Amino acid sequence: MNFSEVFKQSNQLCKVSPDGKYLATCVQYRLVVRDFSSLQIVHLYTCLDQVMHMEWSSDSLFILCAMYKRGLVQVWSLEQPDWHCKIDEGSIGLVSSRWSPDGRHILNTTEFSLRVTVWSLCTKAVSYIKYPKACQKGVDFSADGRYMALAERRECKDYISVFVCDDWHLLRHFESETQDLSGLEWSPNGCVLAVWDSCLEYKILLYSLDGRLLSSYSAYEWSLGIKSVAWSPSSQFLAVGSYDEKVRILNHITWKKITEFEHPATIMNTKAVVFKEVEKRPVVGSEDLSIHQLTVDNSLFSTQSKYEITQLPAQVPVIKPDPERANPKIGISALAFSADNRFLATKNDNMPQSLWVWDMQRLSLLAVLEQTAPVRCFVWDPRRPRLALCTGNTKVYLWSPAGCVSVNVPVEGSFQVQSLFWHCSGSSLVLLSKEHICLCYVEAEEEK
């Protein structure tokens, strides 16, 4: 495993282009584009204010930079660095900005979700979509980029509109059987739209492209409901995480529950492996303490760690949530399937230091990773069954069916990994600290 030098970034704005060739970072009001293989700067753009959001177009030719406080969006071209575009939403304000799948239209949501404005970069035409709903995930595009589903709220009811992205004409408009729609997401094959209610009611609805209700699922009533939803890449499974600390798996044929995964405080499952991170502080002798090492070699004092396999039954550290506070830290807040559909990783908020990995072929618990600090972020390798995670310290952790490894980030000063994501090739990881980024090059052999 090798690491690059450290580069600056702000607001965690760092994105790899969809074709994998470039790395874009924002530093205050500057946009820096680097060649991913050499890390040399190829373009440097200056925006009108501090960038709050940055996004690549699908063809990697344009970059959108949004400055929400000013109601501004600037678009930069990689092919023609002199060309640029400025969109000013004026007094109506701006709360979100994103590309359409064709990379030639920009969708801006105004303050108070009064409307969505669709701007065309080619024709300069403007379209307006009224009544968008302000919710957790109110807009989603199908994987092939042909359709957009939009949640709407009018006359105290939830509606869903399906638009064709070519010319933005309305394909379907129908009322959703939700009390207070919280999110919607297309299946990866684009055939089914999953729609779920707010946490006050456990309800998930499955609609076809033409607006027919295929199925409705509710696990229980009168208690906090759905917290997270994830499709498997094959569209065969829909995983629903809830406040009762369980994940329910629905199948794509009958849309009924085929199994549920519990997150118990005591792990009895003899087929599961519990990996526990154990920290070890290095003992430093006086002969090691040269002035040079004190200033340069931060790794001299950094805590090393390794994983040990815990004997079963094993206890998982549990934090009791405060019932008096809103959004209690309990239940399944994050779910992610591996690219080959074989594994599902889950995080239960009242067990913040543990990450659970489930075998989707046997529908059983495979592994639990017990960290020394709460898990901040976890992401699957897009090419292999390999999971990377971070806990806000100076280490990056990898899990694969072969086992676990903990690696210290060997950079000058303290690089505390707040979040991370994979390059589309699966050959490297981009690590983000509060104000810096670092690349971690992972060899394919390391999973063996």
Protein backbone atom coordinates (compact mmCIF):
# COMPACT_ATOMS: atom_id res chain seq x y z
CA MET A 1 0.00 0.00 0.00
CA ASN A 2 1.42 3.38 -1.02
CA PHE A 3 0.33 6.93 -0.20
CA SER A 4 0.59 10.19 -2.14
CA GLU A 5 1.57 13.56 -0.79
CA VAL A 6 -1.12 15.66 0.90
CA PHE A 7 -3.19 18.32 -0.93
CA LYS A 8 -5.50 21.01 0.42
CA GLN A 9 -9.29 20.96 0.11
CA SER A 10 -12.21 22.72 1.80
CA ASN A 11 -15.79 21.65 2.63
CA GLN A 12 -14.86 18.01 1.81
CA LEU A 13 -15.14 18.96 -1.88
CA CYS A 14 -13.09 16.39 -3.76
CA LYS A 15 -14.39 14.34 -6.70
CA VAL A 16 -12.87 11.99 -9.26
CA SER A 17 -14.18 12.45 -12.80
CA PRO A 18 -16.54 9.65 -14.01
CA ASP A 19 -13.91 8.50 -16.55
CA GLY A 20 -11.34 8.24 -13.71
CA LYS A 21 -8.77 10.52 -15.42
CA TYR A 22 -9.03 13.66 -13.27
CA LEU A 23 -9.27 14.67 -9.63
CA ALA A 24 -11.07 17.94 -8.82
CA THR A 25 -10.76 19.69 -5.45
CA CYS A 26 -12.06 23.00 -4.16
CA VAL A 27 -9.92 25.22 -1.95
CA GLN A 28 -12.12 28.12 -0.76
CA TYR A 29 -13.04 29.87 -4.05
CA ARG A 30 -10.53 28.02 -6.25
CA LEU A 31 -11.23 24.87 -8.28
CA VAL A 32 -8.13 22.73 -8.88
CA VAL A 33 -8.19 19.93 -11.49
CA ARG A 34 -5.36 17.39 -11.41
CA ASP A 35 -4.41 14.51 -13.66
CA PHE A 36 -5.23 11.48 -11.50
CA SER A 37 -2.20 9.39 -12.49
CA SER A 38 0.48 12.09 -12.12
CA LEU A 39 -1.38 14.43 -9.69
CA GLN A 40 -0.07 17.38 -11.73
CA ILE A 41 -2.39 20.41 -11.95
CA VAL A 42 -3.95 20.61 -15.41
CA HIS A 43 -6.52 23.37 -14.80
CA LEU A 44 -7.04 26.07 -12.19
CA TYR A 45 -10.29 28.04 -12.09
CA THR A 46 -11.32 30.97 -9.87
CA CYS A 47 -14.93 31.15 -8.70
CA LEU A 48 -16.77 34.27 -7.51
CA ASP A 49 -17.14 33.05 -3.92
CA GLN A 50 -16.43 30.08 -1.66
CA VAL A 51 -17.72 26.89 -3.30
CA MET A 52 -20.32 24.95 -1.31
CA HIS A 53 -20.98 22.13 -3.81
CA MET A 54 -19.02 20.71 -6.75
CA GLU A 55 -19.98 18.04 -9.27
CA TRP A 56 -18.65 16.52 -12.52
CA SER A 57 -20.84 16.11 -15.59
CA SER A 58 -21.41 12.49 -16.65
CA ASP A 59 -19.01 12.79 -19.64
CA SER A 60 -16.22 14.37 -17.50
CA LEU A 61 -16.11 17.49 -19.73
CA PHE A 62 -17.68 20.04 -17.36
CA ILE A 63 -17.58 20.85 -13.64
CA LEU A 64 -20.37 22.60 -11.77
CA CYS A 65 -19.55 24.79 -8.75
CA ALA A 66 -22.44 26.08 -6.62
CA MET A 67 -22.24 29.03 -4.23
CA TYR A 68 -25.51 28.71 -2.33
CA LYS A 69 -25.17 31.88 -0.24
CA ARG A 70 -24.89 33.99 -3.39
CA GLY A 71 -27.51 31.99 -5.36
CA LEU A 72 -24.86 31.36 -8.03
CA VAL A 73 -23.71 28.41 -10.13
CA GLN A 74 -20.59 28.50 -12.27
CA VAL A 75 -19.77 25.87 -14.89
CA TRP A 76 -16.25 25.25 -16.19
CA SER A 77 -15.14 23.37 -19.30
CA LEU A 78 -12.09 21.10 -19.42
CA GLU A 79 -11.88 21.15 -23.22
CA GLN A 80 -12.19 24.94 -23.51
CA PRO A 81 -10.77 26.53 -20.33
CA ASP A 82 -11.76 30.02 -21.56
CA TRP A 83 -15.45 29.04 -21.87
CA HIS A 84 -17.51 29.46 -18.75
CA CYS A 85 -21.13 29.75 -17.72
CA LYS A 86 -22.73 31.62 -14.84
CA ILE A 87 -26.27 30.97 -13.58
CA ASP A 88 -27.71 33.51 -11.14
CA GLU A 89 -30.93 32.51 -9.40
CA GLY A 90 -31.25 36.01 -7.93
CA SER A 91 -33.45 36.80 -4.93
CA ILE A 92 -35.33 33.48 -5.07
CA GLY A 93 -32.17 31.80 -3.68
CA LEU A 94 -30.58 28.42 -4.17
CA VAL A 95 -30.40 25.36 -1.89
CA SER A 96 -29.21 22.62 -4.25
CA SER A 97 -27.73 22.26 -7.71
CA ARG A 98 -27.00 19.13 -9.75
CA TRP A 99 -26.36 17.83 -13.25
CA SER A 100 -28.88 15.96 -15.31
CA PRO A 101 -27.58 12.60 -16.62
CA ASP A 102 -26.82 14.00 -20.10
CA GLY A 103 -24.33 16.51 -18.65
CA ARG A 104 -25.92 19.37 -20.60
CA HIS A 105 -28.67 20.49 -18.20
CA ILE A 106 -28.46 21.80 -14.64
CA LEU A 107 -31.25 21.41 -12.09
CA ASN A 108 -31.41 24.12 -9.42
CA THR A 109 -33.75 23.96 -6.42
CA THR A 110 -34.71 27.37 -5.02
CA GLU A 111 -35.08 28.33 -1.37
CA PHE A 112 -38.13 26.94 0.45
CA SER A 113 -38.35 24.40 -2.44
CA LEU A 114 -40.58 26.75 -4.44
CA ARG A 115 -39.49 25.26 -7.76
CA VAL A 116 -36.83 23.34 -9.66
CA THR A 117 -35.29 25.28 -12.56
CA VAL A 118 -33.85 23.28 -15.47
CA TRP A 119 -31.17 25.22 -17.36
CA SER A 120 -29.89 24.02 -20.75
CA LEU A 121 -26.21 24.71 -21.52
CA CYS A 122 -26.76 24.07 -25.25
CA THR A 123 -29.85 26.17 -26.03
CA LYS A 124 -29.91 28.42 -22.94
CA ALA A 125 -33.57 27.37 -22.56
CA VAL A 126 -35.12 27.40 -19.08
CA SER A 127 -37.89 25.12 -17.77
CA TYR A 128 -39.62 25.28 -14.39
CA ILE A 129 -41.00 22.42 -12.31
CA LYS A 130 -43.31 23.51 -9.49
CA TYR A 131 -43.96 22.12 -6.01
CA PRO A 132 -40.81 20.00 -5.42
CA LYS A 133 -40.89 18.47 -1.97
CA ALA A 134 -38.15 19.33 0.51
CA CYS A 135 -37.22 15.90 1.86
CA GLN A 136 -34.30 13.53 2.45
CA LYS A 137 -34.14 12.33 -1.18
CA GLY A 138 -36.74 14.01 -3.38
CA VAL A 139 -35.09 13.59 -6.81
CA ASP A 140 -33.61 10.50 -8.43
CA PHE A 141 -32.51 9.60 -11.97
CA SER A 142 -32.76 6.10 -13.41
CA ALA A 143 -29.38 4.42 -13.98
CA ASP A 144 -29.66 4.71 -17.78
CA GLY A 145 -30.32 8.47 -17.42
CA ARG A 146 -33.64 8.37 -19.28
CA TYR A 147 -36.06 9.19 -16.47
CA MET A 148 -36.23 11.48 -13.48
CA ALA A 149 -38.56 10.87 -10.53
CA LEU A 150 -39.48 13.93 -8.48
CA ALA A 151 -41.37 14.03 -5.17
CA GLU A 152 -43.94 16.83 -4.98
CA ARG A 153 -46.13 18.26 -2.24
CA ARG A 154 -49.35 20.09 -3.06
CA GLU A 155 -52.66 20.48 -1.21
CA CYS A 156 -51.19 18.60 1.77
CA LYS A 157 -50.66 15.44 -0.30
CA ASP A 158 -47.61 13.70 -1.74
CA TYR A 159 -47.30 13.22 -5.50
CA ILE A 160 -44.65 11.73 -7.77
CA SER A 161 -43.86 13.02 -11.25
CA VAL A 162 -41.80 11.02 -13.74
CA PHE A 163 -40.09 13.11 -16.44
CA VAL A 164 -38.30 12.05 -19.62
CA CYS A 165 -34.83 13.63 -19.42
CA ASP A 166 -34.43 14.14 -23.20
CA ASP A 167 -36.92 17.01 -23.44
CA TRP A 168 -38.24 17.21 -19.84
CA HIS A 169 -41.81 16.30 -20.78
CA LEU A 170 -44.01 14.78 -18.06
CA LEU A 171 -44.44 11.03 -18.54
CA ARG A 172 -46.49 10.19 -15.43
CA HIS A 173 -47.95 12.08 -12.49
CA PHE A 174 -49.60 10.16 -9.65
CA GLU A 175 -50.48 10.47 -5.98
CA SER A 176 -48.23 8.57 -3.56
CA GLU A 177 -49.81 6.58 -0.75
CA THR A 178 -47.54 8.16 1.84
CA GLN A 179 -48.39 10.40 4.79
CA ASP A 180 -45.13 12.34 4.53
CA LEU A 181 -42.83 11.06 1.77
CA SER A 182 -39.20 11.00 2.89
CA GLY A 183 -37.34 9.61 -0.13
CA LEU A 184 -37.46 7.78 -3.45
CA GLU A 185 -34.94 5.70 -5.39
CA TRP A 186 -34.97 3.85 -8.72
CA SER A 187 -33.85 0.23 -8.82
CA PRO A 188 -30.53 -0.13 -10.71
CA ASN A 189 -32.36 -1.73 -13.68
CA GLY A 190 -34.74 1.25 -13.84
CA CYS A 191 -37.94 -0.85 -13.66
CA VAL A 192 -39.11 -0.07 -10.12
CA LEU A 193 -39.29 3.08 -8.02
CA ALA A 194 -39.04 2.59 -4.23
CA VAL A 195 -40.78 5.29 -2.18
CA TRP A 196 -40.68 5.44 1.61
CA ASP A 197 -42.50 7.36 4.32
CA SER A 198 -41.01 9.54 7.07
CA CYS A 199 -39.66 7.88 10.21
CA LEU A 200 -43.05 8.32 11.93
CA GLU A 201 -44.57 5.53 9.85
CA TYR A 202 -42.98 2.30 8.59
CA LYS A 203 -44.11 2.15 4.97
CA ILE A 204 -42.28 1.42 1.72
CA LEU A 205 -44.09 1.50 -1.63
CA LEU A 206 -42.93 0.05 -4.96
CA TYR A 207 -44.17 1.64 -8.18
CA SER A 208 -43.70 0.66 -11.80
CA LEU A 209 -42.53 3.18 -14.41
CA ASP A 210 -46.14 3.87 -15.44
CA GLY A 211 -47.21 4.70 -11.87
CA ARG A 212 -48.86 1.40 -10.90
CA LEU A 213 -48.44 0.40 -7.25
CA LEU A 214 -46.72 -2.99 -7.42
CA SER A 215 -46.54 -3.59 -3.70
CA SER A 216 -46.59 -1.97 -0.28
CA TYR A 217 -44.67 -3.23 2.75
CA SER A 218 -45.00 -2.29 6.41
CA ALA A 219 -43.16 -4.25 9.12
CA TYR A 220 -44.87 -2.70 12.16
CA GLU A 221 -46.99 0.25 13.35
CA TRP A 222 -46.95 2.91 16.09
CA SER A 223 -43.18 3.12 16.37
CA LEU A 224 -40.33 4.92 14.58
CA GLY A 225 -39.99 3.36 11.12
CA ILE A 226 -37.56 3.42 8.19
CA LYS A 227 -34.10 4.96 8.58
CA SER A 228 -32.20 3.75 5.47
CA VAL A 229 -32.89 2.02 2.15
CA ALA A 230 -30.52 0.36 -0.36
CA TRP A 231 -31.00 -1.60 -3.60
CA SER A 232 -28.65 -4.45 -4.46
CA PRO A 233 -26.77 -3.78 -7.75
CA SER A 234 -28.70 -6.63 -9.44
CA SER A 235 -32.07 -5.10 -8.34
CA GLN A 236 -32.98 -8.49 -6.81
CA PHE A 237 -32.94 -7.29 -3.19
CA LEU A 238 -34.15 -4.19 -1.42
CA ALA A 239 -32.65 -3.73 2.05
CA VAL A 240 -34.64 -1.61 4.50
CA GLY A 241 -33.00 -0.50 7.75
CA SER A 242 -35.17 0.76 10.59
CA TYR A 243 -35.19 2.18 14.12
CA ASP A 244 -35.88 -1.26 15.63
CA GLU A 245 -32.20 -2.20 14.87
CA LYS A 246 -33.13 -4.65 12.10
CA VAL A 247 -32.59 -4.85 8.35
CA ARG A 248 -35.36 -6.47 6.33
CA ILE A 249 -34.58 -7.89 2.90
CA LEU A 250 -37.37 -7.77 0.31
CA ASN A 251 -37.20 -9.87 -2.88
CA HIS A 252 -37.92 -8.52 -6.39
CA ILE A 253 -40.50 -11.15 -7.39
CA THR A 254 -43.17 -10.95 -4.68
CA TRP A 255 -41.77 -7.88 -2.80
CA LYS A 256 -42.23 -9.86 0.42
CA LYS A 257 -39.65 -10.11 3.20
CA ILE A 258 -37.32 -13.07 2.72
CA THR A 259 -35.28 -12.53 5.87
CA GLU A 260 -34.38 -10.01 8.55
CA PHE A 261 -30.96 -9.29 10.01
CA GLU A 262 -30.86 -8.47 13.73
CA HIS A 263 -28.00 -6.65 15.44
CA PRO A 264 -27.83 -8.26 18.90
CA ALA A 265 -25.63 -7.00 21.74
CA THR A 266 -24.29 -10.55 22.20
CA ILE A 267 -23.10 -12.41 19.09
CA MET A 268 -23.75 -16.13 19.41
CA ASN A 269 -23.58 -17.06 15.70
CA THR A 270 -20.77 -19.61 15.45
CA LYS A 271 -20.27 -19.03 11.70
CA ALA A 272 -19.59 -15.30 12.18
CA VAL A 273 -16.10 -13.93 12.80
CA VAL A 274 -15.73 -10.98 15.19
CA PHE A 275 -12.64 -8.85 14.46
CA LYS A 276 -11.69 -6.55 17.31
CA GLU A 277 -9.29 -3.65 16.77
CA VAL A 278 -6.57 -3.63 19.43
CA GLU A 279 -4.37 -0.56 19.84
CA LYS A 280 -0.72 -0.72 20.77
CA ARG A 281 1.29 2.39 21.60
CA PRO A 282 4.94 2.08 20.55
CA VAL A 283 7.52 2.17 23.32
CA VAL A 284 10.01 4.91 22.43
CA GLY A 285 13.54 4.66 23.78
CA SER A 286 15.59 7.81 24.47
CA GLU A 287 18.00 6.94 21.64
CA ASP A 288 15.08 7.27 19.15
CA LEU A 289 14.29 10.84 20.16
CA SER A 290 16.49 12.88 17.88
CA ILE A 291 15.23 16.41 17.13
CA HIS A 292 14.85 15.44 13.47
CA GLN A 293 12.55 12.53 14.26
CA LEU A 294 10.47 14.60 16.67
CA THR A 295 9.72 17.16 13.98
CA VAL A 296 9.49 14.97 10.89
CA ASP A 297 8.48 11.48 11.92
CA ASN A 298 4.96 11.72 13.25
CA SER A 299 4.64 7.92 13.05
CA LEU A 300 7.04 7.62 15.99
CA PHE A 301 4.22 8.48 18.41
CA SER A 302 1.24 7.27 16.40
CA THR A 303 -0.77 4.44 17.82
CA GLN A 304 -0.45 1.20 15.89
CA SER A 305 -3.40 -1.15 15.74
CA LYS A 306 -4.24 -4.63 14.54
CA TYR A 307 -7.28 -6.89 14.48
CA GLU A 308 -7.70 -9.87 16.78
CA ILE A 309 -10.38 -12.52 16.41
CA THR A 310 -12.66 -12.54 19.45
CA GLN A 311 -13.93 -15.74 21.01
CA LEU A 312 -17.71 -16.28 20.83
CA PRO A 313 -20.08 -15.42 22.39
CA ALA A 314 -18.86 -11.82 22.00
CA GLN A 315 -20.28 -8.63 23.48
CA VAL A 316 -20.78 -5.61 21.21
CA PRO A 317 -20.41 -2.16 22.87
CA VAL A 318 -23.86 -0.51 23.04
CA ILE A 319 -24.66 3.15 23.72
CA LYS A 320 -28.05 3.88 25.25
CA PRO A 321 -29.79 6.65 23.25
CA ASP A 322 -31.38 9.64 24.98
CA PRO A 323 -35.17 9.22 24.49
CA GLU A 324 -35.76 12.91 25.22
CA ARG A 325 -33.82 14.10 22.16
CA ALA A 326 -35.01 14.19 18.54
CA ASN A 327 -33.49 11.78 16.00
CA PRO A 328 -32.27 9.26 18.62
CA LYS A 329 -28.98 7.52 17.88
CA ILE A 330 -30.56 4.13 17.36
CA GLY A 331 -31.28 1.92 14.37
CA ILE A 332 -29.73 1.20 10.99
CA SER A 333 -28.49 4.48 9.50
CA ALA A 334 -26.30 3.10 6.71
CA LEU A 335 -26.51 0.11 4.33
CA ALA A 336 -24.31 -0.80 1.36
CA PHE A 337 -24.18 -3.81 -0.97
CA SER A 338 -20.91 -4.99 -2.51
CA ALA A 339 -20.64 -4.60 -6.30
CA ASP A 340 -21.02 -8.37 -6.86
CA ASN A 341 -24.20 -8.55 -4.66
CA ARG A 342 -22.52 -11.09 -2.35
CA PHE A 343 -22.25 -8.96 0.78
CA LEU A 344 -24.18 -6.32 2.67
CA ALA A 345 -22.53 -3.96 5.19
CA THR A 346 -24.65 -2.29 7.88
CA LYS A 347 -24.17 0.17 10.73
CA ASN A 348 -26.43 0.33 13.79
CA ASP A 349 -26.33 3.79 15.41
CA ASN A 350 -26.46 2.62 19.02
CA MET A 351 -23.47 0.34 18.30
CA PRO A 352 -21.42 3.06 16.57
CA GLN A 353 -18.06 1.28 16.85
CA SER A 354 -19.21 -1.84 15.02
CA LEU A 355 -19.64 -2.60 11.33
CA TRP A 356 -21.64 -5.69 10.36
CA VAL A 357 -21.04 -7.70 7.17
CA TRP A 358 -23.73 -10.13 5.96
CA ASP A 359 -23.43 -12.98 3.44
CA MET A 360 -26.27 -12.52 0.91
CA GLN A 361 -25.91 -16.04 -0.50
CA ARG A 362 -26.41 -17.74 2.86
CA LEU A 363 -28.46 -14.83 4.29
CA SER A 364 -26.46 -14.90 7.51
CA LEU A 365 -23.95 -12.85 9.51
CA LEU A 366 -20.42 -13.24 8.17
CA ALA A 367 -18.28 -10.78 10.14
CA VAL A 368 -18.39 -7.96 12.69
CA LEU A 369 -15.64 -5.34 12.82
CA GLU A 370 -15.36 -3.80 16.28
CA GLN A 371 -13.38 -0.56 16.12
CA THR A 372 -11.88 1.51 18.95
CA ALA A 373 -13.78 4.62 17.73
CA PRO A 374 -17.16 5.16 16.01
CA VAL A 375 -17.26 4.24 12.31
CA ARG A 376 -17.44 7.46 10.25
CA CYS A 377 -17.66 6.12 6.72
CA PHE A 378 -17.54 2.79 4.87
CA VAL A 379 -17.43 2.12 1.10
CA TRP A 380 -17.22 -0.99 -1.09
CA ASP A 381 -14.57 -1.34 -3.79
CA PRO A 382 -16.45 -0.96 -7.14
CA ARG A 383 -14.59 -3.92 -8.66
CA ARG A 384 -13.92 -6.44 -5.86
CA PRO A 385 -15.58 -7.63 -2.65
CA ARG A 386 -13.46 -5.36 -0.48
CA LEU A 387 -14.63 -2.83 2.08
CA ALA A 388 -12.79 0.31 3.23
CA LEU A 389 -13.70 2.21 6.37
CA CYS A 390 -12.48 5.04 8.60
CA THR A 391 -13.13 6.18 12.18
CA GLY A 392 -11.76 9.73 12.28
CA ASN A 393 -8.24 8.68 13.35
CA THR A 394 -4.98 8.38 11.37
CA LYS A 395 -5.81 4.92 9.97
CA VAL A 396 -7.65 3.35 7.08
CA TYR A 397 -9.15 -0.13 7.47
CA LEU A 398 -9.85 -2.79 4.84
CA TRP A 399 -12.01 -5.90 5.06
CA SER A 400 -12.28 -8.68 2.49
CA PRO A 401 -13.43 -12.33 2.83
CA ALA A 402 -9.77 -13.15 3.49
CA GLY A 403 -9.58 -10.97 6.63
CA CYS A 404 -8.96 -7.48 7.99
CA VAL A 405 -6.10 -5.04 7.94
CA SER A 406 -5.42 -1.70 9.67
CA VAL A 407 -3.01 0.73 7.97
CA ASN A 408 -1.56 3.95 9.35
CA VAL A 409 -1.58 6.94 6.95
CA PRO A 410 2.16 7.82 6.93
CA VAL A 411 2.07 11.55 6.25
CA GLU A 412 3.73 14.46 8.03
CA GLY A 413 1.61 15.90 10.79
CA SER A 414 -1.68 14.33 11.80
CA PHE A 415 -3.98 13.20 8.98
CA GLN A 416 -7.29 12.20 10.57
CA VAL A 417 -9.44 10.40 8.01
CA GLN A 418 -12.98 11.83 8.14
CA SER A 419 -14.30 10.18 4.97
CA LEU A 420 -13.08 8.19 1.97
CA PHE A 421 -14.15 6.92 -1.44
CA TRP A 422 -12.79 4.56 -4.11
CA HIS A 423 -11.49 5.43 -7.56
CA CYS A 424 -13.75 3.80 -10.19
CA SER A 425 -10.96 1.30 -11.05
CA GLY A 426 -10.80 0.04 -7.44
CA SER A 427 -7.01 0.52 -7.49
CA SER A 428 -6.90 3.49 -5.11
CA LEU A 429 -8.74 5.27 -2.32
CA VAL A 430 -9.16 9.01 -1.84
CA LEU A 431 -8.87 9.87 1.87
CA LEU A 432 -10.24 13.15 3.22
CA SER A 433 -9.29 14.84 6.48
CA LYS A 434 -10.83 18.12 7.63
CA GLU A 435 -8.77 20.28 5.26
CA HIS A 436 -6.63 17.90 3.21
CA ILE A 437 -6.75 14.91 0.88
CA CYS A 438 -4.36 12.02 0.38
CA LEU A 439 -4.43 9.16 -2.12
CA CYS A 440 -3.93 5.59 -0.98
CA TYR A 441 -2.87 3.11 -3.69
CA VAL A 442 -4.13 -0.38 -2.95
CA GLU A 443 -2.73 -3.37 -4.78
CA ALA A 444 -5.16 -6.03 -6.00
CA GLU A 445 -3.09 -8.75 -4.34
CA GLU A 446 -3.78 -7.30 -0.88
CA GLU A 447 -7.22 -8.88 -0.78
CA LYS A 448 -5.80 -12.39 -1.13
